[in-house]
Amino acid sequence: MEKTNKDRFIVSVKVGPKGQITIPSEARKMFNINEGETLMVMGDKDRGIALLKADMFYSLMEER
């Protein structure tokens, strides 16, 4: 894990045989991600993949 400051970090994760990844504990703590929570996986072919907590995603969609 390489930390750049208290609000950012860079980490590599490996994709397992079932396509699963583990979210590092630092990220889970920073974004208050708890066991059993639902995350949205968003993808853009040019921009990459992003994860967002489902409640935050739905809140953002309501604002539109």
C-alpha atoms as a PDB file:
ATOM      1  CA  MET A   1       0.000   0.000   0.000  1.00  0.00           C
ATOM      2  CA  GLU A   2       1.391   3.357  -0.961  1.00  0.00           C
ATOM      3  CA  LYS A   3      -0.164   6.267   0.862  1.00  0.00           C
ATOM      4  CA  THR A   4      -0.037   9.684  -0.736  1.00  0.00           C
ATOM      5  CA  ASN A   5      -1.743  11.565   2.138  1.00  0.00           C
ATOM      6  CA  LYS A   6      -4.577  11.020   4.627  1.00  0.00           C
ATOM      7  CA  ASP A   7      -7.257  11.516   1.949  1.00  0.00           C
ATOM      8  CA  ARG A   8      -5.756   9.434  -0.862  1.00  0.00           C
ATOM      9  CA  PHE A   9      -3.967   6.179  -1.440  1.00  0.00           C
ATOM     10  CA  ILE A  10      -2.913   3.854  -4.222  1.00  0.00           C
ATOM     11  CA  VAL A  11      -3.141   0.096  -3.896  1.00  0.00           C
ATOM     12  CA  SER A  12      -3.152  -2.863  -6.239  1.00  0.00           C
ATOM     13  CA  VAL A  13      -5.598  -5.751  -5.850  1.00  0.00           C
ATOM     14  CA  LYS A  14      -5.740  -9.082  -7.638  1.00  0.00           C
ATOM     15  CA  VAL A  15      -8.824 -10.471  -9.301  1.00  0.00           C
ATOM     16  CA  GLY A  16      -9.627 -13.945  -8.012  1.00  0.00           C
ATOM     17  CA  PRO A  17     -10.851 -16.916 -10.064  1.00  0.00           C
ATOM     18  CA  LYS A  18     -14.487 -15.858  -9.580  1.00  0.00           C
ATOM     19  CA  GLY A  19     -13.779 -12.261 -10.657  1.00  0.00           C
ATOM     20  CA  GLN A  20     -13.791 -10.996  -7.065  1.00  0.00           C
ATOM     21  CA  ILE A  21     -11.523  -8.386  -5.520  1.00  0.00           C
ATOM     22  CA  THR A  22     -10.946  -7.466  -1.888  1.00  0.00           C
ATOM     23  CA  ILE A  23     -11.458  -3.819  -0.970  1.00  0.00           C
ATOM     24  CA  PRO A  24      -8.466  -2.877   1.200  1.00  0.00           C
ATOM     25  CA  SER A  25      -9.221  -2.068   4.839  1.00  0.00           C
ATOM     26  CA  GLU A  26      -7.928   1.497   4.377  1.00  0.00           C
ATOM     27  CA  ALA A  27     -10.545   2.096   1.668  1.00  0.00           C
ATOM     28  CA  ARG A  28     -13.300   0.453   3.713  1.00  0.00           C
ATOM     29  CA  LYS A  29     -12.449   2.688   6.672  1.00  0.00           C
ATOM     30  CA  MET A  30     -12.089   5.863   4.590  1.00  0.00           C
ATOM     31  CA  PHE A  31     -15.441   5.351   2.852  1.00  0.00           C
ATOM     32  CA  ASN A  32     -17.224   3.685   5.783  1.00  0.00           C
ATOM     33  CA  ILE A  33     -17.930   0.510   3.803  1.00  0.00           C
ATOM     34  CA  ASN A  34     -19.274  -2.230   6.051  1.00  0.00           C
ATOM     35  CA  GLU A  35     -19.937  -5.923   5.570  1.00  0.00           C
ATOM     36  CA  GLY A  36     -23.185  -6.563   3.718  1.00  0.00           C
ATOM     37  CA  GLU A  37     -23.416  -3.095   2.144  1.00  0.00           C
ATOM     38  CA  THR A  38     -24.291  -2.781  -1.523  1.00  0.00           C
ATOM     39  CA  LEU A  39     -21.878  -1.040  -3.867  1.00  0.00           C
ATOM     40  CA  MET A  40     -22.574   0.128  -7.391  1.00  0.00           C
ATOM     41  CA  VAL A  41     -19.975  -0.754 -10.039  1.00  0.00           C
ATOM     42  CA  MET A  42     -19.876   1.836 -12.793  1.00  0.00           C
ATOM     43  CA  GLY A  43     -17.822   1.436 -15.915  1.00  0.00           C
ATOM     44  CA  ASP A  44     -16.844   3.575 -18.856  1.00  0.00           C
ATOM     45  CA  LYS A  45     -14.710   2.043 -21.579  1.00  0.00           C
ATOM     46  CA  ASP A  46     -12.517   5.148 -21.829  1.00  0.00           C
ATOM     47  CA  ARG A  47     -12.478   6.286 -18.191  1.00  0.00           C
ATOM     48  CA  GLY A  48     -12.379   2.997 -16.273  1.00  0.00           C
ATOM     49  CA  ILE A  49     -14.255   1.490 -13.346  1.00  0.00           C
ATOM     50  CA  ALA A  50     -15.573   3.199 -10.212  1.00  0.00           C
ATOM     51  CA  LEU A  51     -17.238   1.896  -7.048  1.00  0.00           C
ATOM     52  CA  LEU A  52     -19.829   3.915  -5.177  1.00  0.00           C
ATOM     53  CA  LYS A  53     -21.922   3.082  -2.135  1.00  0.00           C
ATOM     54  CA  ALA A  54     -25.470   2.394  -3.308  1.00  0.00           C
ATOM     55  CA  ASP A  55     -27.088   4.928  -0.973  1.00  0.00           C
ATOM     56  CA  MET A  56     -24.797   7.673  -2.267  1.00  0.00           C
ATOM     57  CA  PHE A  57     -25.487   6.629  -5.861  1.00  0.00           C
ATOM     58  CA  TYR A  58     -29.258   6.825  -5.368  1.00  0.00           C
ATOM     59  CA  SER A  59     -28.941  10.194  -3.617  1.00  0.00           C
ATOM     60  CA  LEU A  60     -26.969  11.553  -6.572  1.00  0.00           C
ATOM     61  CA  MET A  61     -29.576  10.234  -9.008  1.00  0.00           C
ATOM     62  CA  GLU A  62     -32.392  11.930  -7.062  1.00  0.00           C
ATOM     63  CA  GLU A  63     -30.610  15.282  -7.468  1.00  0.00           C
ATOM     64  CA  ARG A  64     -30.806  15.009 -11.249  1.00  0.00           C
END
